[in-house]
């Protein structure tokens, strides 16, 4: 089975959770099926970029040995012609993309079929239709057209959660009978005390306890609410700092966050984007992980924190209820007062935090990338008419 896989998300800035998902597909799909199914040959491809840029981007995901096909069109042209015009076909863009059985688009850049190939699209959510005001015009255009192209062309559509599937079917023409729910995974890594100490030292934290947030600075992440709620922590005389990790996003997100943080002074630390090993160490050393998002397609940072036994407080929204189950505490996403009270209560309850952390680790252990890829292989077999 030959599968053409678009790796272009790995060259996006920021690549986000979709980048991690795409990289794990590229890493784990190739080779024989552990369940006895057909061997998969992945043919990765990207738009027109310098070889050095492709190598650097893939290397940051541990895929330095991968050599994707480089197409001759730049990303904006390629994506717009695909989503609007349904051309050019992949098999006409490069000879290595001929004889493909399945084209898998892991984001809403939806190529037309390559000859007689089946088309599988991963639609992570319909966020731009739910919260259009949270996205720039270009982002709204791309995602709307991508969802429309998916509805027209895809044989099967993968979504990571039931909440995302319901959102997509209620706001697009994608039918429920074409959707297959395949939850993402999370790296099941353990971290040494030495790495935790090094991560603290690199950020100048020393032994100071901290509350952690991870993501992209954009409006739907709801960081101003967390910053307002954290004032309650400061007034209560608790020692924790708030550590914010992630790249700047869009639509005034970084400016709004920094403005909201001004009143807290040095109690807030902006760490920017971090390497994976340092980020995992920060999860492990956190007193609490806080995630007040208004909307998510999956919410990968919640599970990343749980794997490291960090207790989690997150928004009471359907998707986070779905992925976190009973292993997290929840607070309303629009109530800074409730968040402040919950932060103080959890930070004062050492025994409760320990129990929550243990429950989170056990819960997150079921979300592996191997399971994600196993179910993705099943979607491939289904779309080709195979059984099993």
Protein backbone atom coordinates (compact mmCIF):
# COMPACT_ATOMS: atom_id res chain seq x y z
CA UNK A 1 0.00 0.00 0.00
CA UNK A 2 1.53 3.33 -1.09
CA UNK A 3 0.37 6.38 0.88
CA UNK A 4 1.21 9.95 -0.13
CA UNK A 5 1.45 12.04 3.05
CA UNK A 6 1.62 15.85 3.10
CA UNK A 7 4.35 17.02 5.52
CA UNK A 8 3.94 20.72 4.79
CA UNK A 9 2.58 21.40 8.29
CA UNK A 10 6.05 20.67 9.67
CA UNK A 11 7.30 23.78 7.86
CA UNK A 12 4.52 26.01 9.21
CA UNK A 13 5.25 28.56 11.91
CA UNK A 14 4.13 27.46 14.38
CA UNK A 15 3.56 23.80 13.38
CA UNK A 16 1.31 23.31 16.42
CA UNK A 17 -0.37 20.10 17.41
CA UNK A 18 -1.09 19.25 13.77
CA UNK A 19 2.65 19.27 13.18
CA UNK A 20 3.19 16.75 15.97
CA UNK A 21 0.38 14.57 14.61
CA UNK A 22 1.82 14.69 11.09
CA UNK A 23 5.33 13.87 12.28
CA UNK A 24 4.12 10.81 14.20
CA UNK A 25 2.27 9.51 11.14
CA UNK A 26 5.45 9.91 9.10
CA UNK A 27 7.48 8.12 11.78
CA UNK A 28 5.20 5.19 12.58
CA UNK A 29 3.18 4.41 9.45
CA UNK A 30 5.93 2.97 7.23
CA UNK A 31 6.62 -0.74 7.29
CA UNK A 32 4.66 -3.88 8.07
CA UNK A 33 1.39 -3.73 9.97
CA UNK A 34 1.83 -5.23 13.47
CA UNK A 35 -1.74 -6.53 13.15
CA UNK A 36 -0.80 -8.50 10.04
CA UNK A 37 -2.14 -6.08 7.45
CA UNK A 38 -0.46 -4.86 4.31
CA UNK A 39 2.95 -3.17 4.47
CA UNK A 40 2.74 0.60 4.01
CA UNK A 41 5.15 2.63 1.94
CA UNK A 42 4.82 6.31 2.84
CA UNK A 43 5.69 8.81 0.10
CA UNK A 44 6.05 12.13 1.96
CA UNK A 45 5.85 15.42 0.09
CA UNK A 46 6.13 19.16 0.70
CA UNK A 47 5.67 22.32 -1.35
CA UNK A 48 8.54 24.20 -2.98
CA UNK A 49 11.21 25.04 -0.38
CA UNK A 50 14.97 25.14 -0.15
CA UNK A 51 16.38 21.76 0.79
CA UNK A 52 18.08 23.28 3.82
CA UNK A 53 14.79 24.59 5.19
CA UNK A 54 13.09 21.22 4.70
CA UNK A 55 15.96 19.46 6.46
CA UNK A 56 15.91 21.83 9.41
CA UNK A 57 12.14 21.54 9.86
CA UNK A 58 12.13 17.75 9.69
CA UNK A 59 15.16 17.53 11.94
CA UNK A 60 13.32 19.45 14.66
CA UNK A 61 10.79 16.59 14.71
CA UNK A 62 13.44 13.86 14.69
CA UNK A 63 12.87 13.08 11.00
CA UNK A 64 16.23 14.22 9.65
CA UNK A 65 16.67 11.01 7.60
CA UNK A 66 13.42 11.57 5.72
CA UNK A 67 13.66 12.96 2.18
CA UNK A 68 10.23 14.14 1.08
CA UNK A 69 9.32 14.86 -2.52
CA UNK A 70 9.55 18.61 -3.10
CA UNK A 71 6.87 19.91 -5.45
CA UNK A 72 7.53 22.84 -7.77
CA UNK A 73 4.74 25.12 -6.52
CA UNK A 74 5.05 27.29 -3.36
CA UNK A 75 2.63 26.58 -0.52
CA UNK A 76 0.16 29.49 -0.98
CA UNK A 77 -0.32 28.76 -4.68
CA UNK A 78 -0.51 25.01 -4.13
CA UNK A 79 -3.05 25.23 -1.33
CA UNK A 80 -5.31 27.76 -3.05
CA UNK A 81 -5.39 25.91 -6.35
CA UNK A 82 -6.09 22.64 -4.54
CA UNK A 83 -8.88 23.95 -2.35
CA UNK A 84 -10.49 26.22 -4.96
CA UNK A 85 -9.81 24.55 -8.31
CA UNK A 86 -9.11 20.92 -7.45
CA UNK A 87 -5.83 20.92 -9.35
CA UNK A 88 -3.04 20.13 -10.03
CA UNK A 89 -3.13 16.43 -9.28
CA UNK A 90 -0.24 15.04 -7.28
CA UNK A 91 0.67 12.47 -9.91
CA UNK A 92 1.18 15.33 -12.37
CA UNK A 93 3.41 17.26 -10.00
CA UNK A 94 6.04 14.58 -9.49
CA UNK A 95 6.73 11.13 -10.92
CA UNK A 96 7.24 9.62 -7.44
CA UNK A 97 3.60 10.42 -6.68
CA UNK A 98 2.33 8.14 -9.43
CA UNK A 99 0.88 4.77 -8.54
CA UNK A 100 -0.35 5.97 -5.14
CA UNK A 101 -3.13 4.02 -3.41
CA UNK A 102 -4.11 6.64 -0.83
CA UNK A 103 -3.52 10.36 -0.44
CA UNK A 104 -3.66 11.43 3.21
CA UNK A 105 -4.05 15.13 3.97
CA UNK A 106 -3.33 15.52 7.71
CA UNK A 107 -4.71 19.07 7.64
CA UNK A 108 -7.22 21.00 5.54
CA UNK A 109 -4.84 21.48 2.62
CA UNK A 110 -6.84 19.04 0.49
CA UNK A 111 -5.18 17.84 -2.72
CA UNK A 112 -7.19 16.31 -5.53
CA UNK A 113 -6.92 12.60 -6.06
CA UNK A 114 -3.75 11.23 -7.63
CA UNK A 115 -5.16 9.18 -10.48
CA UNK A 116 -7.37 6.50 -8.95
CA UNK A 117 -6.08 6.99 -5.40
CA UNK A 118 -8.45 7.20 -2.45
CA UNK A 119 -8.44 10.39 -0.38
CA UNK A 120 -8.36 10.54 3.43
CA UNK A 121 -8.46 13.94 5.17
CA UNK A 122 -7.89 14.68 8.84
CA UNK A 123 -10.17 17.54 9.88
CA UNK A 124 -9.12 18.47 13.41
CA UNK A 125 -12.04 20.80 14.14
CA UNK A 126 -14.22 23.55 12.69
CA UNK A 127 -12.75 26.28 14.90
CA UNK A 128 -12.83 29.00 12.24
CA UNK A 129 -16.58 28.48 11.86
CA UNK A 130 -17.20 28.40 15.63
CA UNK A 131 -14.94 31.36 16.52
CA UNK A 132 -14.30 33.26 13.27
CA UNK A 133 -13.38 36.40 15.19
CA UNK A 134 -10.38 34.56 16.68
CA UNK A 135 -8.68 34.04 13.31
CA UNK A 136 -7.15 36.31 10.68
CA UNK A 137 -8.90 36.62 7.33
CA UNK A 138 -6.41 34.35 5.57
CA UNK A 139 -6.89 31.63 8.18
CA UNK A 140 -10.67 31.78 7.90
CA UNK A 141 -10.49 31.60 4.10
CA UNK A 142 -8.13 28.63 4.08
CA UNK A 143 -10.04 26.55 6.62
CA UNK A 144 -13.47 27.27 5.15
CA UNK A 145 -12.32 26.29 1.66
CA UNK A 146 -10.52 23.25 3.06
CA UNK A 147 -13.66 22.00 4.78
CA UNK A 148 -15.65 22.55 1.59
CA UNK A 149 -13.04 20.63 -0.44
CA UNK A 150 -13.11 17.84 2.14
CA UNK A 151 -16.88 17.57 1.85
CA UNK A 152 -16.61 17.33 -1.94
CA UNK A 153 -13.66 14.97 -2.31
CA UNK A 154 -12.72 12.93 0.74
CA UNK A 155 -13.66 9.26 0.86
CA UNK A 156 -13.21 9.18 4.65
CA UNK A 157 -12.52 11.91 7.18
CA UNK A 158 -10.55 11.41 10.38
CA UNK A 159 -11.28 13.55 13.45
CA UNK A 160 -9.52 13.25 16.83
CA UNK A 161 -12.59 13.51 19.09
CA UNK A 162 -16.35 13.02 19.13
CA UNK A 163 -16.69 16.71 20.02
CA UNK A 164 -14.80 17.67 16.86
CA UNK A 165 -16.88 15.27 14.77
CA UNK A 166 -20.14 16.74 16.08
CA UNK A 167 -18.86 20.26 15.45
CA UNK A 168 -17.88 19.43 11.88
CA UNK A 169 -21.10 17.65 10.93
CA UNK A 170 -23.23 20.44 12.41
CA UNK A 171 -21.43 23.22 10.51
CA UNK A 172 -20.31 21.66 7.23
CA UNK A 173 -21.59 19.33 4.53
CA UNK A 174 -19.35 16.49 5.72
CA UNK A 175 -21.65 13.61 6.61
CA UNK A 176 -21.32 11.71 9.87
CA UNK A 177 -21.11 8.37 8.05
CA UNK A 178 -17.84 9.46 6.43
CA UNK A 179 -16.16 10.39 9.72
CA UNK A 180 -13.90 8.06 11.70
CA UNK A 181 -12.76 9.14 15.18
CA UNK A 182 -9.07 8.44 15.77
CA UNK A 183 -7.71 10.07 18.95
CA UNK A 184 -4.20 11.48 18.84
CA UNK A 185 -1.46 10.05 20.99
CA UNK A 186 1.03 11.53 23.39
CA UNK A 187 4.69 10.64 23.96
CA UNK A 188 4.90 8.40 27.03
CA UNK A 189 8.26 9.78 28.23
CA UNK A 190 9.66 9.83 31.74
CA UNK A 191 11.94 12.64 32.88
CA UNK A 192 14.89 12.52 35.28
CA UNK A 193 15.28 14.91 38.18
CA UNK A 194 18.41 16.22 36.50
CA UNK A 195 16.47 17.31 33.41
CA UNK A 196 13.82 18.97 35.56
CA UNK A 197 16.48 20.88 37.47
CA UNK A 198 18.17 21.93 34.21
CA UNK A 199 14.88 23.18 32.76
CA UNK A 200 14.22 25.23 35.90
CA UNK A 201 17.72 26.64 35.82
CA UNK A 202 17.52 27.60 32.15
CA UNK A 203 14.47 29.74 32.91
CA UNK A 204 15.83 31.16 36.15
CA UNK A 205 13.12 29.48 38.23
CA UNK A 206 15.39 27.90 40.80
CA UNK A 207 13.22 26.13 43.39
CA UNK A 208 10.22 28.44 42.91
CA UNK A 209 7.00 26.44 42.36
CA UNK A 210 5.07 27.29 39.21
CA UNK A 211 1.81 26.90 37.35
CA UNK A 212 2.35 26.00 33.69
CA UNK A 213 0.47 26.86 30.51
CA UNK A 214 1.49 25.60 27.03
CA UNK A 215 0.16 26.55 23.59
CA UNK A 216 0.13 29.23 20.92
CA UNK A 217 -0.67 32.79 21.98
CA UNK A 218 -3.98 33.28 20.19
CA UNK A 219 -7.44 34.42 21.28
CA UNK A 220 -9.18 31.04 21.66
CA UNK A 221 -6.56 29.94 24.20
CA UNK A 222 -8.15 32.39 26.65
CA UNK A 223 -4.91 33.37 28.40
CA UNK A 224 -6.14 36.78 29.61
CA UNK A 225 -8.67 34.92 31.78
CA UNK A 226 -5.92 32.80 33.33
CA UNK A 227 -3.83 35.90 34.01
CA UNK A 228 -6.78 37.62 35.69
CA UNK A 229 -7.44 34.49 37.74
CA UNK A 230 -3.80 34.27 38.77
CA UNK A 231 -4.15 37.59 40.60
CA UNK A 232 -6.15 35.60 43.15
CA UNK A 233 -3.13 33.32 43.66
CA UNK A 234 -0.92 36.35 44.31
CA UNK A 235 -3.40 37.95 46.72
CA UNK A 236 -3.65 34.66 48.61
CA UNK A 237 0.07 34.87 49.37
CA UNK A 238 0.96 31.68 47.47
CA UNK A 239 4.50 31.50 46.03
CA UNK A 240 3.81 30.09 42.56
CA UNK A 241 4.80 31.88 39.39
CA UNK A 242 2.92 31.46 36.12
CA UNK A 243 5.08 30.09 33.29
CA UNK A 244 3.74 30.62 29.75
CA UNK A 245 5.33 28.44 27.05
CA UNK A 246 4.71 28.70 23.33
CA UNK A 247 5.15 30.80 20.22
CA UNK A 248 3.27 33.99 19.35
CA UNK A 249 0.10 33.40 17.38
CA UNK A 250 -2.25 35.78 15.62
CA UNK A 251 -5.15 38.21 15.88
CA UNK A 252 -3.61 40.27 18.67
CA UNK A 253 -3.06 37.25 20.89
CA UNK A 254 0.49 38.07 22.08
CA UNK A 255 -0.31 41.76 22.69
CA UNK A 256 -3.47 40.98 24.64
CA UNK A 257 -1.64 38.42 26.78
CA UNK A 258 1.26 40.74 27.62
CA UNK A 259 -1.14 43.57 28.46
CA UNK A 260 -3.05 41.29 30.82
CA UNK A 261 0.23 40.09 32.38
CA UNK A 262 1.50 43.60 33.16
CA UNK A 263 -0.28 43.79 36.51
CA UNK A 264 1.44 40.61 37.69
CA UNK A 265 4.97 41.82 37.05
CA UNK A 266 7.64 39.17 37.57
CA UNK A 267 5.11 36.61 38.77
CA UNK A 268 4.63 35.78 35.06
CA UNK A 269 7.45 34.29 32.98
CA UNK A 270 7.18 34.17 29.19
CA UNK A 271 9.41 31.28 28.12
CA UNK A 272 8.60 31.34 24.40
CA UNK A 273 8.73 28.10 22.38
CA UNK A 274 10.93 25.37 23.86
CA UNK A 275 12.61 22.20 22.63
CA UNK A 276 10.62 19.04 23.29
CA UNK A 277 12.96 17.73 26.00
CA UNK A 278 12.85 21.00 27.96
CA UNK A 279 9.08 21.24 27.61
CA UNK A 280 8.56 17.71 28.93
CA UNK A 281 10.79 18.54 31.90
CA UNK A 282 8.72 21.66 32.64
CA UNK A 283 5.52 19.61 32.60
CA UNK A 284 7.09 17.20 35.06
CA UNK A 285 8.23 19.95 37.44
CA UNK A 286 4.97 21.93 37.43
CA UNK A 287 2.87 22.22 40.57
CA UNK A 288 -0.19 22.54 38.32
CA UNK A 289 -0.98 22.68 34.62
CA UNK A 290 -3.71 25.21 33.71
CA UNK A 291 -5.52 25.18 30.36
CA UNK A 292 -8.42 27.67 30.08
CA UNK A 293 -9.14 27.31 26.33
CA UNK A 294 -12.41 28.42 24.83
CA UNK A 295 -12.06 25.86 22.06
CA UNK A 296 -9.87 22.89 21.11
CA UNK A 297 -10.01 20.14 18.54
CA UNK A 298 -8.18 17.77 20.87
CA UNK A 299 -6.17 19.51 23.60
CA UNK A 300 -2.86 17.67 23.39
CA UNK A 301 -1.10 19.72 26.13
CA UNK A 302 -3.58 18.35 28.68
CA UNK A 303 -2.43 14.80 28.00
CA UNK A 304 1.22 15.84 27.78
CA UNK A 305 0.91 17.25 31.30
CA UNK A 306 -0.89 14.17 32.57
CA UNK A 307 1.84 11.84 31.31
CA UNK A 308 4.28 13.77 33.51
CA UNK A 309 1.93 13.45 36.51
CA UNK A 310 1.19 17.17 36.56
CA UNK A 311 -2.29 17.80 38.01
CA UNK A 312 -4.53 19.50 35.46
CA UNK A 313 -7.12 22.27 35.74
CA UNK A 314 -8.84 22.94 32.43
CA UNK A 315 -11.89 24.53 30.85
CA UNK A 316 -15.22 22.84 31.22
CA UNK A 317 -15.84 22.40 27.49
CA UNK A 318 -16.99 19.17 25.79
CA UNK A 319 -13.73 18.28 24.05
CA UNK A 320 -11.66 18.57 27.24
CA UNK A 321 -14.25 16.61 29.20
CA UNK A 322 -13.90 13.95 26.50
CA UNK A 323 -10.12 13.63 26.52
CA UNK A 324 -9.48 14.28 30.23
CA UNK A 325 -12.37 12.30 31.68
CA UNK A 326 -12.38 12.26 35.47
CA UNK A 327 -8.60 12.76 35.67
CA UNK A 328 -8.71 16.59 35.66
CA UNK A 329 -10.44 19.42 37.50
CA UNK A 330 -12.67 21.72 35.46
CA UNK A 331 -13.69 25.37 35.68
CA UNK A 332 -15.99 27.48 33.45
CA UNK A 333 -14.09 29.00 30.54
CA UNK A 334 -15.78 32.40 31.02
CA UNK A 335 -15.45 32.84 34.80
CA UNK A 336 -12.14 34.27 36.03
CA UNK A 337 -13.42 34.26 39.60
CA UNK A 338 -14.13 30.52 39.50
CA UNK A 339 -10.69 29.93 38.00
CA UNK A 340 -9.03 31.97 40.72
CA UNK A 341 -10.82 30.01 43.45
CA UNK A 342 -9.94 26.69 41.80
CA UNK A 343 -6.28 27.65 41.42
CA UNK A 344 -5.95 28.59 45.08
CA UNK A 345 -7.84 25.50 46.28
CA UNK A 346 -5.68 23.10 44.25
CA UNK A 347 -2.39 24.82 45.06
CA UNK A 348 -3.16 24.58 48.79
CA UNK A 349 -4.10 20.89 48.60
CA UNK A 350 -0.89 18.88 48.23
CA UNK A 351 -2.58 15.53 48.79
CA UNK A 352 -5.32 16.33 46.28
CA UNK A 353 -2.74 17.38 43.68
CA UNK A 354 -0.84 14.14 44.12
CA UNK A 355 -4.01 12.09 43.63
CA UNK A 356 -4.97 14.11 40.57
CA UNK A 357 -1.49 13.67 39.10
CA UNK A 358 -1.58 9.90 39.54
CA UNK A 359 -5.04 9.68 38.00
CA UNK A 360 -3.87 11.78 35.06
CA UNK A 361 -0.85 9.58 34.36
CA UNK A 362 -2.99 6.43 34.38
CA UNK A 363 -5.59 8.05 32.13
CA UNK A 364 -3.08 9.42 29.62
CA UNK A 365 -1.34 6.05 29.27
CA UNK A 366 -4.11 4.87 26.93
CA UNK A 367 -3.39 7.68 24.43
CA UNK A 368 -0.39 6.39 22.49
CA UNK A 369 0.78 7.31 19.01
CA UNK A 370 1.02 3.61 18.26
CA UNK A 371 -2.70 3.26 18.91
CA UNK A 372 -3.41 6.32 16.78
CA UNK A 373 -1.44 4.86 13.88
CA UNK A 374 -3.04 1.43 14.32
CA UNK A 375 -6.50 2.96 13.92
CA UNK A 376 -5.28 5.11 11.03
CA UNK A 377 -4.15 1.94 9.26
CA UNK A 378 -7.66 0.55 9.80
CA UNK A 379 -9.11 3.62 8.08
CA UNK A 380 -6.76 3.02 5.15
CA UNK A 381 -7.87 -0.61 4.86
CA UNK A 382 -11.50 0.47 4.98
CA UNK A 383 -11.12 3.12 2.34
CA UNK A 384 -9.51 0.58 0.00
CA UNK A 385 -12.31 -1.86 0.64
CA UNK A 386 -10.22 -4.23 2.75
CA UNK A 387 -11.61 -6.03 5.77
CA UNK A 388 -10.07 -6.23 9.20
